[in-house]
Amino acid sequence: MPSPLETMVRRSASLAVVGAVVALCAGSAHAWSATGTVKNKSGTALSGVAVTVQDSAAIATTTDATGAFQIGSSTSLRSLSEVSDWSLKVEGRDIEVLTPAQGRIEFALLDGTGRLLWSATAEIAGGAAQASLPVGMRPGAAYLRVRPEQGSGQVLAVTTGSDGLRVASHLVAPRALAGYPVLKFHKAGYRDTTYAMTAAAQTGLAIVLGDTGTATTTCPSAKLPAGDQTKTISVNGVSRTYILHVPSGYTGTTPVPLVVDYHPIGGSASGQESGTTYKPLTDAEGVVSVYPNGLASPNLGQAWNVEGCCTTANDTSFARAMVAEVKTLACINPKRVYAVGFSMGGGMTHFSACHLTDIFAAAAPAAFDLTQQNQPDCHPSRPITMVMFRGSADNVVPYAGGHSALVTGMAIDFLGAKGTFQQWATYDQCTGSASAEDANGCSTYSTCAGGTQVTLCTKQGGGHEQGNGSIGWPILKKYTLP
């Protein structure tokens, strides 16, 4: 049997909306909610992600510092006020409300997710306000909300069709509106992601945003020419130099990664550029690379300060200033800067991973380990992927670790390849056991915090030699800064 409310609407008579809706719809509501976290592909929580209902900004929130979000809506069929002297008249597409309120009235149609389908405002004149639905409204169930400028208004279930608007049964409407919203996740620098809800209440959603790598990068107006340039900068009053290498495939219009490649003790920027195994691979991809020069050690030429050995220079400040300058000269993706190095350059790579995780996305040291002198002060600000290369027969940096007095007055004690491997697994909060060595002698902790990995590649019978770029580069370039 039709309700009194439905019967009166069908006769196009004035309705006492408030009392009827309350009586008919006590306890009826269409509600949904979702909670979860948003992370990047490396597993790092993303704060400040905008979470909205797709195609509508009416319901929105943002993720907090832990990447968590909570969003939802409840559209109740109860009256939203205690006013009892409102009435409503519906004739096809025309709606009229009789009310003692003053000012303007907002008419709105919303779907079950809270998305606005249509709205109009009208002046209240002579105790009434009118609005008309547009021609061609999509047929289906909805909620009609009538609300004055001041105070709350009324909500009732309706259906729309070719003949206009009809009040719907309080049982029919929730069933017709049983679809669930599609959530949209947006953050600058990341690809927009959507999630279609499958139930009215969902918890523990794990949303992953892919990094676009371009949204926060503005390329310099002048394109750098291909080739090498030797650059000089002042760091704490000391002149420092580096070689900036631009490959022929560099366009200057698309942000590219940057590789910082450290030379060995007694070596040079130009020597490392000639000897590295990374440059042929990165050049082919249009990747910019830099080769910094260290400062003099007591007896073995240019070196790096890795705490305890082998100069007194502030090389972390140098690295920071150098990367910052290159970003102003070339179109660099700031989330994709990597550190690699050989021998003491490997030591500086370890040191960079300890102290410059806000700059470097991942690192690949070769022929060097953490030391007893620098390990206690190694406190990475976040987990960082490490790919380490060691030769089992290295006669300069023993694979098993131990004491070295190679530099006069600056003796150091190596943790050894395995000890360093375990220490980085601890820093990165890796769980489980490392994998068995593969055909390249590489063993990996793959379940680490932030989606990082820690890999040690051991070359059986290998000596003191450069890292293997054909293994290291494919791993490094998968990782970006959070």
Protein backbone atom coordinates (compact mmCIF):
# COMPACT_ATOMS: atom_id res chain seq x y z
CA MET A 1 0.00 0.00 0.00
CA PRO A 2 1.54 3.39 -0.95
CA SER A 3 2.54 5.65 1.89
CA PRO A 4 0.59 8.88 2.50
CA LEU A 5 3.65 10.80 1.29
CA GLU A 6 3.80 8.93 -2.03
CA THR A 7 0.07 9.22 -2.60
CA MET A 8 0.10 12.95 -2.05
CA VAL A 9 3.04 13.49 -4.43
CA ARG A 10 1.40 11.45 -7.15
CA ARG A 11 -1.65 13.71 -6.86
CA SER A 12 0.64 16.77 -7.12
CA ALA A 13 -0.67 17.98 -3.82
CA SER A 14 1.24 19.89 -1.18
CA LEU A 15 3.21 17.61 1.11
CA ALA A 16 4.01 17.89 4.76
CA VAL A 17 7.59 16.72 4.13
CA VAL A 18 9.14 16.81 7.57
CA GLY A 19 6.71 14.78 9.59
CA ALA A 20 6.09 12.27 6.81
CA VAL A 21 9.77 11.59 6.10
CA VAL A 22 10.58 11.10 9.73
CA ALA A 23 7.68 8.72 10.17
CA LEU A 24 8.44 6.71 7.07
CA CYS A 25 12.18 6.55 7.21
CA ALA A 26 13.16 6.23 10.83
CA GLY A 27 16.54 4.54 10.89
CA SER A 28 17.02 4.37 7.09
CA ALA A 29 20.36 5.58 5.80
CA HIS A 30 22.82 4.98 3.00
CA ALA A 31 26.35 5.15 4.39
CA TRP A 32 29.85 4.14 3.33
CA SER A 33 33.33 4.50 4.74
CA ALA A 34 36.91 3.60 3.86
CA THR A 35 40.19 3.69 5.73
CA GLY A 36 43.70 2.74 4.69
CA THR A 37 47.17 4.00 3.85
CA VAL A 38 48.85 5.41 0.75
CA LYS A 39 52.47 4.61 -0.10
CA ASN A 40 54.78 4.95 -3.04
CA LYS A 41 56.18 1.98 -4.94
CA SER A 42 59.13 1.82 -2.57
CA GLY A 43 56.76 1.34 0.35
CA THR A 44 57.25 4.79 1.87
CA ALA A 45 54.15 6.42 3.36
CA LEU A 46 52.89 9.47 1.46
CA SER A 47 51.41 12.38 3.38
CA GLY A 48 49.26 15.10 1.86
CA VAL A 49 47.60 12.84 -0.70
CA ALA A 50 44.19 14.22 -1.70
CA VAL A 51 41.49 11.56 -1.36
CA THR A 52 38.17 12.35 -3.03
CA VAL A 53 35.18 10.65 -4.55
CA GLN A 54 35.78 10.44 -8.29
CA ASP A 55 34.04 13.22 -10.22
CA SER A 56 33.18 15.04 -7.01
CA ALA A 57 35.09 17.18 -4.55
CA ALA A 58 32.19 17.34 -2.09
CA ILE A 59 33.65 14.55 0.05
CA ALA A 60 37.40 14.86 0.53
CA THR A 61 40.26 14.30 2.93
CA THR A 62 44.07 14.08 2.87
CA THR A 63 46.49 11.50 4.19
CA ASP A 64 48.33 12.27 7.41
CA ALA A 65 52.05 11.98 8.17
CA THR A 66 51.80 8.19 8.27
CA GLY A 67 49.99 8.02 4.93
CA ALA A 68 46.69 7.10 6.63
CA PHE A 69 43.28 8.32 5.49
CA GLN A 70 39.65 8.01 6.55
CA ILE A 71 36.76 9.03 4.32
CA GLY A 72 33.04 8.37 4.20
CA SER A 73 29.53 9.69 3.89
CA SER A 74 26.16 9.05 5.44
CA THR A 75 23.03 10.21 3.62
CA SER A 76 20.14 9.80 6.02
CA LEU A 77 16.50 9.69 5.00
CA ARG A 78 15.48 11.35 8.24
CA SER A 79 14.46 14.99 8.30
CA LEU A 80 17.45 17.21 8.90
CA SER A 81 15.47 19.70 11.00
CA GLU A 82 12.64 19.75 13.47
CA VAL A 83 10.64 22.30 11.46
CA SER A 84 7.16 20.90 10.83
CA ASP A 85 5.55 23.52 8.61
CA TRP A 86 7.38 22.90 5.36
CA SER A 87 5.58 21.40 2.37
CA LEU A 88 6.68 20.31 -1.07
CA LYS A 89 4.89 20.10 -4.40
CA VAL A 90 6.27 18.15 -7.39
CA GLU A 91 4.80 18.32 -10.88
CA GLY A 92 6.99 16.60 -13.45
CA ARG A 93 10.30 18.48 -13.52
CA ASP A 94 8.98 21.38 -11.45
CA ILE A 95 9.59 21.54 -7.70
CA GLU A 96 8.02 24.03 -5.30
CA VAL A 97 8.69 24.31 -1.60
CA LEU A 98 6.44 26.20 0.82
CA THR A 99 8.37 27.41 3.84
CA PRO A 100 8.39 30.12 6.49
CA ALA A 101 12.14 30.50 5.95
CA GLN A 102 13.57 33.69 4.45
CA GLY A 103 16.25 34.29 1.84
CA ARG A 104 17.24 31.62 -0.64
CA ILE A 105 16.63 27.89 -0.95
CA GLU A 106 19.09 25.37 -2.38
CA PHE A 107 17.66 22.37 -4.24
CA ALA A 108 20.07 19.49 -4.84
CA LEU A 109 20.04 15.92 -6.12
CA LEU A 110 22.73 13.61 -4.75
CA ASP A 111 23.53 9.98 -5.44
CA GLY A 112 24.23 7.41 -2.75
CA THR A 113 27.92 8.32 -2.57
CA GLY A 114 27.15 11.95 -1.84
CA ARG A 115 28.10 13.07 -5.36
CA LEU A 116 26.18 16.11 -6.51
CA LEU A 117 24.05 15.36 -9.60
CA TRP A 118 22.25 18.70 -9.90
CA SER A 119 21.66 21.82 -7.88
CA ALA A 120 19.83 25.12 -8.15
CA THR A 121 19.06 28.03 -5.86
CA ALA A 122 15.94 30.18 -5.75
CA GLU A 123 14.68 33.20 -3.79
CA ILE A 124 11.89 32.59 -1.31
CA ALA A 125 9.05 34.91 -2.28
CA GLY A 126 5.62 34.88 -0.68
CA GLY A 127 6.59 31.84 1.41
CA ALA A 128 7.55 29.72 -1.65
CA ALA A 129 10.53 28.94 -3.88
CA GLN A 130 10.59 27.05 -7.17
CA ALA A 131 13.14 25.20 -9.31
CA SER A 132 13.00 22.99 -12.38
CA LEU A 133 15.07 19.92 -13.18
CA PRO A 134 16.95 20.11 -16.47
CA VAL A 135 15.72 18.14 -19.44
CA GLY A 136 17.48 14.81 -19.94
CA MET A 137 18.27 13.97 -16.32
CA ARG A 138 19.69 10.46 -16.03
CA PRO A 139 17.00 8.03 -14.85
CA GLY A 140 17.57 6.43 -11.46
CA ALA A 141 17.32 6.82 -7.73
CA ALA A 142 18.66 9.80 -5.83
CA TYR A 143 18.22 11.93 -2.78
CA LEU A 144 16.50 15.31 -3.00
CA ARG A 145 17.84 17.85 -0.52
CA VAL A 146 16.00 21.11 0.12
CA ARG A 147 17.99 23.50 2.31
CA PRO A 148 17.64 27.18 3.26
CA GLU A 149 20.61 29.54 3.54
CA GLN A 150 20.26 29.53 7.30
CA GLY A 151 19.76 26.29 9.18
CA SER A 152 19.25 22.74 7.99
CA GLY A 153 16.73 21.40 5.51
CA GLN A 154 15.01 18.19 4.44
CA VAL A 155 16.12 15.10 2.55
CA LEU A 156 13.94 12.44 0.94
CA ALA A 157 14.43 9.57 -1.46
CA VAL A 158 13.31 10.15 -5.05
CA THR A 159 13.55 8.67 -8.52
CA THR A 160 14.17 10.60 -11.72
CA GLY A 161 12.87 9.65 -15.14
CA SER A 162 11.47 10.99 -18.41
CA ASP A 163 8.37 12.16 -16.58
CA GLY A 164 10.33 14.11 -13.99
CA LEU A 165 10.66 13.48 -10.27
CA ARG A 166 8.84 11.04 -8.01
CA VAL A 167 9.19 10.33 -4.32
CA ALA A 168 10.52 6.81 -3.81
CA SER A 169 9.78 4.21 -1.17
CA HIS A 170 12.18 4.36 1.74
CA LEU A 171 12.95 0.70 1.02
CA VAL A 172 13.42 1.09 -2.74
CA ALA A 173 15.81 4.02 -2.58
CA PRO A 174 18.64 2.43 -0.53
CA ARG A 175 18.56 -0.65 -2.76
CA ALA A 176 18.71 1.51 -5.89
CA LEU A 177 21.58 3.48 -4.39
CA ALA A 178 23.55 0.41 -3.34
CA GLY A 179 26.45 1.20 -5.67
CA TYR A 180 29.69 2.16 -3.94
CA PRO A 181 31.91 5.11 -4.77
CA VAL A 182 35.18 5.18 -6.68
CA LEU A 183 37.89 6.86 -4.63
CA LYS A 184 40.52 9.00 -6.32
CA PHE A 185 44.03 9.60 -4.94
CA HIS A 186 46.09 12.57 -6.12
CA LYS A 187 49.49 13.99 -5.18
CA ALA A 188 51.81 16.16 -7.25
CA GLY A 189 54.65 14.10 -8.65
CA TYR A 190 52.63 10.88 -8.62
CA ARG A 191 50.19 9.26 -11.00
CA ASP A 192 46.53 9.61 -10.03
CA THR A 193 45.09 6.32 -8.80
CA THR A 194 41.50 5.19 -8.32
CA TYR A 195 39.96 2.47 -6.18
CA ALA A 196 36.42 1.17 -6.73
CA MET A 197 34.88 0.24 -3.39
CA THR A 198 33.23 -3.17 -3.23
CA ALA A 199 31.47 -2.87 0.13
CA ALA A 200 29.85 -0.19 2.27
CA ALA A 201 32.67 -0.29 4.82
CA GLN A 202 36.25 -1.15 3.90
CA THR A 203 39.28 -0.94 6.15
CA GLY A 204 42.99 -1.49 5.70
CA LEU A 205 43.09 -0.42 2.05
CA ALA A 206 46.68 -0.35 0.74
CA ILE A 207 46.94 2.20 -2.06
CA VAL A 208 50.17 2.53 -4.07
CA LEU A 209 50.97 5.62 -6.14
CA GLY A 210 53.47 5.43 -8.97
CA ASP A 211 55.99 8.24 -9.29
CA THR A 212 55.68 10.37 -12.44
CA GLY A 213 59.05 11.92 -11.75
CA THR A 214 58.21 15.05 -13.71
CA ALA A 215 55.51 16.99 -11.92
CA THR A 216 57.86 18.86 -9.56
CA THR A 217 60.71 19.43 -12.03
CA THR A 218 61.20 22.62 -14.02
CA CYS A 219 63.82 22.19 -16.72
CA PRO A 220 66.38 24.98 -17.27
CA SER A 221 65.55 27.13 -20.29
CA ALA A 222 69.02 26.65 -21.78
CA LYS A 223 69.89 23.13 -22.88
CA LEU A 224 73.36 21.90 -21.91
CA PRO A 225 75.45 20.75 -24.87
CA ALA A 226 76.63 17.16 -25.00
CA GLY A 227 80.13 16.53 -23.66
CA ASP A 228 82.16 17.24 -20.53
CA GLN A 229 82.52 20.41 -18.52
CA THR A 230 84.78 20.88 -15.50
CA LYS A 231 82.92 22.89 -12.87
CA THR A 232 84.27 24.63 -9.77
CA ILE A 233 82.27 25.46 -6.67
CA SER A 234 83.17 26.84 -3.25
CA VAL A 235 82.29 24.68 -0.26
CA ASN A 236 82.98 26.14 3.17
CA GLY A 237 85.54 28.44 1.58
CA VAL A 238 87.33 25.61 -0.26
CA SER A 239 87.31 25.31 -4.06
CA ARG A 240 86.05 21.95 -5.24
CA THR A 241 85.84 20.60 -8.77
CA TYR A 242 83.84 18.01 -10.65
CA ILE A 243 83.25 16.90 -14.22
CA LEU A 244 79.72 17.28 -15.51
CA HIS A 245 79.03 14.77 -18.30
CA VAL A 246 76.06 15.26 -20.64
CA PRO A 247 75.36 12.37 -23.05
CA SER A 248 74.32 12.93 -26.65
CA GLY A 249 70.86 11.53 -25.92
CA TYR A 250 70.08 14.24 -23.37
CA THR A 251 67.17 16.41 -24.59
CA GLY A 252 66.95 19.04 -21.86
CA THR A 253 63.16 18.85 -21.90
CA THR A 254 62.51 15.61 -19.99
CA PRO A 255 63.84 15.14 -16.44
CA VAL A 256 66.52 12.45 -16.30
CA PRO A 257 68.35 10.66 -13.47
CA LEU A 258 71.72 11.84 -12.18
CA VAL A 259 74.56 9.48 -11.25
CA VAL A 260 77.34 10.68 -8.92
CA ASP A 261 80.39 8.46 -9.49
CA TYR A 262 83.23 8.65 -6.91
CA HIS A 263 86.87 7.86 -7.81
CA PRO A 264 89.28 5.65 -5.77
CA ILE A 265 92.03 6.94 -3.49
CA GLY A 266 94.85 8.31 -5.60
CA GLY A 267 92.44 8.61 -8.50
CA SER A 268 90.65 11.49 -10.18
CA ALA A 269 87.36 12.50 -11.68
CA SER A 270 88.64 11.96 -15.22
CA GLY A 271 90.13 8.59 -14.31
CA GLN A 272 86.83 7.40 -12.83
CA GLU A 273 84.91 8.63 -15.86
CA SER A 274 87.20 6.50 -18.03
CA GLY A 275 87.08 3.42 -15.80
CA THR A 276 83.49 3.25 -14.57
CA THR A 277 81.20 0.52 -15.90
CA TYR A 278 78.08 2.67 -15.46
CA LYS A 279 78.69 5.38 -18.06
CA PRO A 280 78.09 3.23 -21.19
CA LEU A 281 74.72 2.16 -19.74
CA THR A 282 73.57 5.55 -18.49
CA ASP A 283 74.74 7.36 -21.64
CA ALA A 284 72.52 5.09 -23.70
CA GLU A 285 69.54 6.29 -21.65
CA GLY A 286 70.37 10.00 -21.76
CA VAL A 287 71.29 10.04 -18.07
CA VAL A 288 73.54 12.84 -16.79
CA SER A 289 76.54 11.84 -14.66
CA VAL A 290 79.07 13.72 -12.53
CA TYR A 291 82.58 12.78 -11.42
CA PRO A 292 83.77 14.74 -8.38
CA ASN A 293 87.40 15.22 -7.36
CA GLY A 294 88.44 14.46 -3.80
CA LEU A 295 91.07 16.40 -1.84
CA ALA A 296 94.60 15.31 -1.00
CA SER A 297 95.27 12.56 1.53
CA PRO A 298 98.53 12.50 3.55
CA ASN A 299 100.39 10.24 1.15
CA LEU A 300 98.22 8.70 -1.58
CA GLY A 301 96.77 11.57 -3.59
CA GLN A 302 93.11 12.55 -3.83
CA ALA A 303 90.76 10.77 -1.41
CA TRP A 304 87.52 11.11 0.51
CA ASN A 305 86.68 11.74 4.15
CA VAL A 306 84.71 8.72 5.35
CA GLU A 307 85.38 9.38 9.06
CA GLY A 308 88.68 8.11 10.37
CA CYS A 309 90.21 8.29 6.90
CA CYS A 310 91.41 9.61 4.47
CA THR A 311 91.18 13.45 4.33
CA THR A 312 89.72 16.12 6.58
CA ALA A 313 87.46 17.62 3.90
CA ASN A 314 83.71 18.03 4.36
CA ASP A 315 82.78 15.80 1.46
CA THR A 316 79.11 15.43 2.34
CA SER A 317 78.71 19.21 2.05
CA PHE A 318 80.56 19.04 -1.26
CA ALA A 319 78.23 16.32 -2.55
CA ARG A 320 75.18 18.25 -1.44
CA ALA A 321 76.35 21.49 -3.08
CA MET A 322 77.40 19.72 -6.28
CA VAL A 323 74.06 17.95 -6.74
CA ALA A 324 72.20 21.19 -6.01
CA GLU A 325 74.21 23.04 -8.66
CA VAL A 326 73.74 20.34 -11.29
CA LYS A 327 69.97 20.52 -10.77
CA THR A 328 70.12 24.18 -11.81
CA LEU A 329 72.17 23.40 -14.92
CA ALA A 330 70.52 20.25 -16.26
CA CYS A 331 66.98 18.87 -16.34
CA ILE A 332 67.38 16.44 -13.43
CA ASN A 333 64.70 14.35 -11.78
CA PRO A 334 65.34 15.18 -8.10
CA LYS A 335 63.87 11.86 -6.98
CA ARG A 336 66.32 9.84 -9.08
CA VAL A 337 69.85 10.76 -7.98
CA TYR A 338 72.19 7.80 -7.36
CA ALA A 339 75.62 7.31 -5.80
CA VAL A 340 78.20 4.82 -7.10
CA GLY A 341 81.94 4.54 -6.61
CA PHE A 342 85.03 2.34 -6.62
CA SER A 343 87.51 1.58 -3.82
CA MET A 344 87.62 4.64 -1.58
CA GLY A 345 84.96 6.03 -3.92
CA GLY A 346 82.95 3.03 -2.76
CA GLY A 347 83.68 4.14 0.77
CA MET A 348 82.32 7.59 -0.06
CA THR A 349 79.27 5.88 -1.59
CA HIS A 350 78.65 4.04 1.70
CA PHE A 351 79.17 7.33 3.55
CA SER A 352 76.70 9.11 1.27
CA ALA A 353 74.11 6.39 1.96
CA CYS A 354 74.68 6.92 5.68
CA HIS A 355 74.37 10.70 5.66
CA LEU A 356 72.70 11.88 2.44
CA THR A 357 69.55 9.79 2.07
CA ASP A 358 67.59 12.98 1.36
CA ILE A 359 69.58 13.32 -1.88
CA PHE A 360 70.37 9.79 -3.04
CA ALA A 361 67.62 7.34 -3.93
CA ALA A 362 69.93 4.30 -3.91
CA ALA A 363 73.65 3.52 -3.87
CA ALA A 364 76.11 0.98 -5.31
CA PRO A 365 79.57 0.92 -3.69
CA ALA A 366 82.35 -1.35 -4.97
CA ALA A 367 85.56 -2.65 -3.35
CA PHE A 368 85.04 -0.98 0.02
CA ASP A 369 83.11 -1.62 3.24
CA LEU A 370 81.80 0.17 6.26
CA THR A 371 84.46 0.61 8.93
CA GLN A 372 84.56 0.40 12.69
CA GLN A 373 85.29 4.12 12.64
CA ASN A 374 82.29 5.28 10.56
CA GLN A 375 79.68 2.61 11.29
CA PRO A 376 78.63 3.96 14.75
CA ASP A 377 77.72 7.34 13.23
CA CYS A 378 75.89 5.88 10.24
CA HIS A 379 72.24 6.77 10.83
CA PRO A 380 70.34 6.79 7.52
CA SER A 381 67.24 8.98 7.80
CA ARG A 382 65.27 6.37 5.83
CA PRO A 383 65.83 2.88 4.39
CA ILE A 384 67.93 3.00 1.22
CA THR A 385 68.62 0.34 -1.40
CA MET A 386 72.26 -0.81 -1.44
CA VAL A 387 73.93 -2.89 -4.17
CA MET A 388 77.48 -3.81 -3.12
CA PHE A 389 80.22 -5.37 -5.27
CA ARG A 390 83.17 -7.21 -3.73
CA GLY A 391 85.92 -9.51 -4.93
CA SER A 392 86.68 -12.49 -2.75
CA ALA A 393 90.43 -12.12 -3.46
CA ASP A 394 90.64 -8.34 -2.95
CA ASN A 395 94.15 -7.64 -1.62
CA VAL A 396 93.50 -3.95 -0.84
CA VAL A 397 90.23 -4.14 1.07
CA PRO A 398 90.16 -7.72 2.43
CA TYR A 399 86.83 -9.51 1.85
CA ALA A 400 86.87 -10.76 5.44
CA GLY A 401 87.60 -7.28 6.82
CA GLY A 402 90.33 -6.16 9.14
CA HIS A 403 92.87 -3.43 9.81
CA SER A 404 94.37 -1.14 7.15
CA ALA A 405 97.17 1.38 7.62
CA LEU A 406 97.49 2.24 3.94
CA VAL A 407 97.09 5.98 4.59
CA THR A 408 99.70 7.48 6.92
CA GLY A 409 98.22 8.43 10.29
CA MET A 410 94.68 7.42 9.27
CA ALA A 411 94.31 3.71 9.96
CA ILE A 412 90.86 2.15 9.56
CA ASP A 413 89.26 -1.20 10.33
CA PHE A 414 86.90 -2.76 7.78
CA LEU A 415 83.78 -4.66 8.82
CA GLY A 416 84.26 -7.00 5.87
CA ALA A 417 81.92 -7.74 2.98
CA LYS A 418 79.57 -10.00 4.94
CA GLY A 419 79.66 -7.78 8.01
CA THR A 420 78.76 -4.75 5.92
CA PHE A 421 76.01 -6.73 4.16
CA GLN A 422 74.48 -7.62 7.52
CA GLN A 423 74.85 -4.08 8.85
CA TRP A 424 72.96 -2.58 5.90
CA ALA A 425 70.27 -5.23 6.33
CA THR A 426 69.94 -4.00 9.92
CA TYR A 427 69.79 -0.34 8.89
CA ASP A 428 67.08 -1.13 6.35
CA GLN A 429 65.12 -3.31 8.82
CA CYS A 430 65.22 -6.32 6.52
CA THR A 431 63.43 -9.46 7.63
CA GLY A 432 63.91 -13.10 6.76
CA SER A 433 67.07 -14.52 5.27
CA ALA A 434 69.10 -13.35 2.32
CA SER A 435 68.61 -15.29 -0.89
CA ALA A 436 71.14 -17.81 -2.10
CA GLU A 437 73.78 -16.40 -4.42
CA ASP A 438 72.66 -16.32 -8.04
CA ALA A 439 74.79 -16.90 -11.14
CA ASN A 440 76.43 -13.49 -10.61
CA GLY A 441 77.23 -14.21 -6.97
CA CYS A 442 74.51 -11.83 -5.80
CA SER A 443 72.63 -12.47 -2.56
CA THR A 444 69.70 -10.21 -1.61
CA TYR A 445 67.57 -9.24 1.34
CA SER A 446 64.40 -8.39 -0.56
CA THR A 447 61.98 -7.81 2.32
CA CYS A 448 63.17 -4.54 3.81
CA ALA A 449 61.52 -1.39 5.13
CA GLY A 450 60.25 1.09 2.58
CA GLY A 451 60.33 -1.52 -0.18
CA THR A 452 64.14 -1.33 -0.35
CA GLN A 453 66.61 -4.15 -0.93
CA VAL A 454 70.15 -4.91 0.18
CA THR A 455 72.31 -6.90 -2.23
CA LEU A 456 75.88 -8.18 -2.04
CA CYS A 457 77.44 -9.43 -5.27
CA THR A 458 80.59 -11.43 -4.66
CA LYS A 459 82.95 -12.22 -7.53
CA GLN A 460 84.73 -15.41 -6.60
CA GLY A 461 88.45 -14.92 -7.21
CA GLY A 462 87.79 -11.29 -8.04
CA GLY A 463 90.25 -8.63 -6.94
CA HIS A 464 90.09 -4.93 -6.22
CA GLU A 465 87.91 -3.81 -9.12
CA GLN A 466 85.09 -1.62 -10.34
CA GLY A 467 81.47 -2.55 -9.69
CA ASN A 468 79.39 -4.26 -12.35
CA GLY A 469 77.15 -1.59 -13.88
CA SER A 470 75.19 -4.13 -15.90
CA ILE A 471 73.95 -5.54 -12.58
CA GLY A 472 73.91 -2.35 -10.52
CA TRP A 473 72.23 0.09 -12.85
CA PRO A 474 69.05 -1.95 -13.55
CA ILE A 475 68.55 -2.23 -9.78
CA LEU A 476 69.37 1.37 -8.91
CA LYS A 477 67.08 2.95 -11.48
CA LYS A 478 64.04 1.13 -10.11
CA TYR A 479 64.19 3.19 -6.92
CA THR A 480 63.14 6.77 -6.28
CA LEU A 481 63.18 9.07 -3.29
CA PRO A 482 59.94 9.03 -1.31
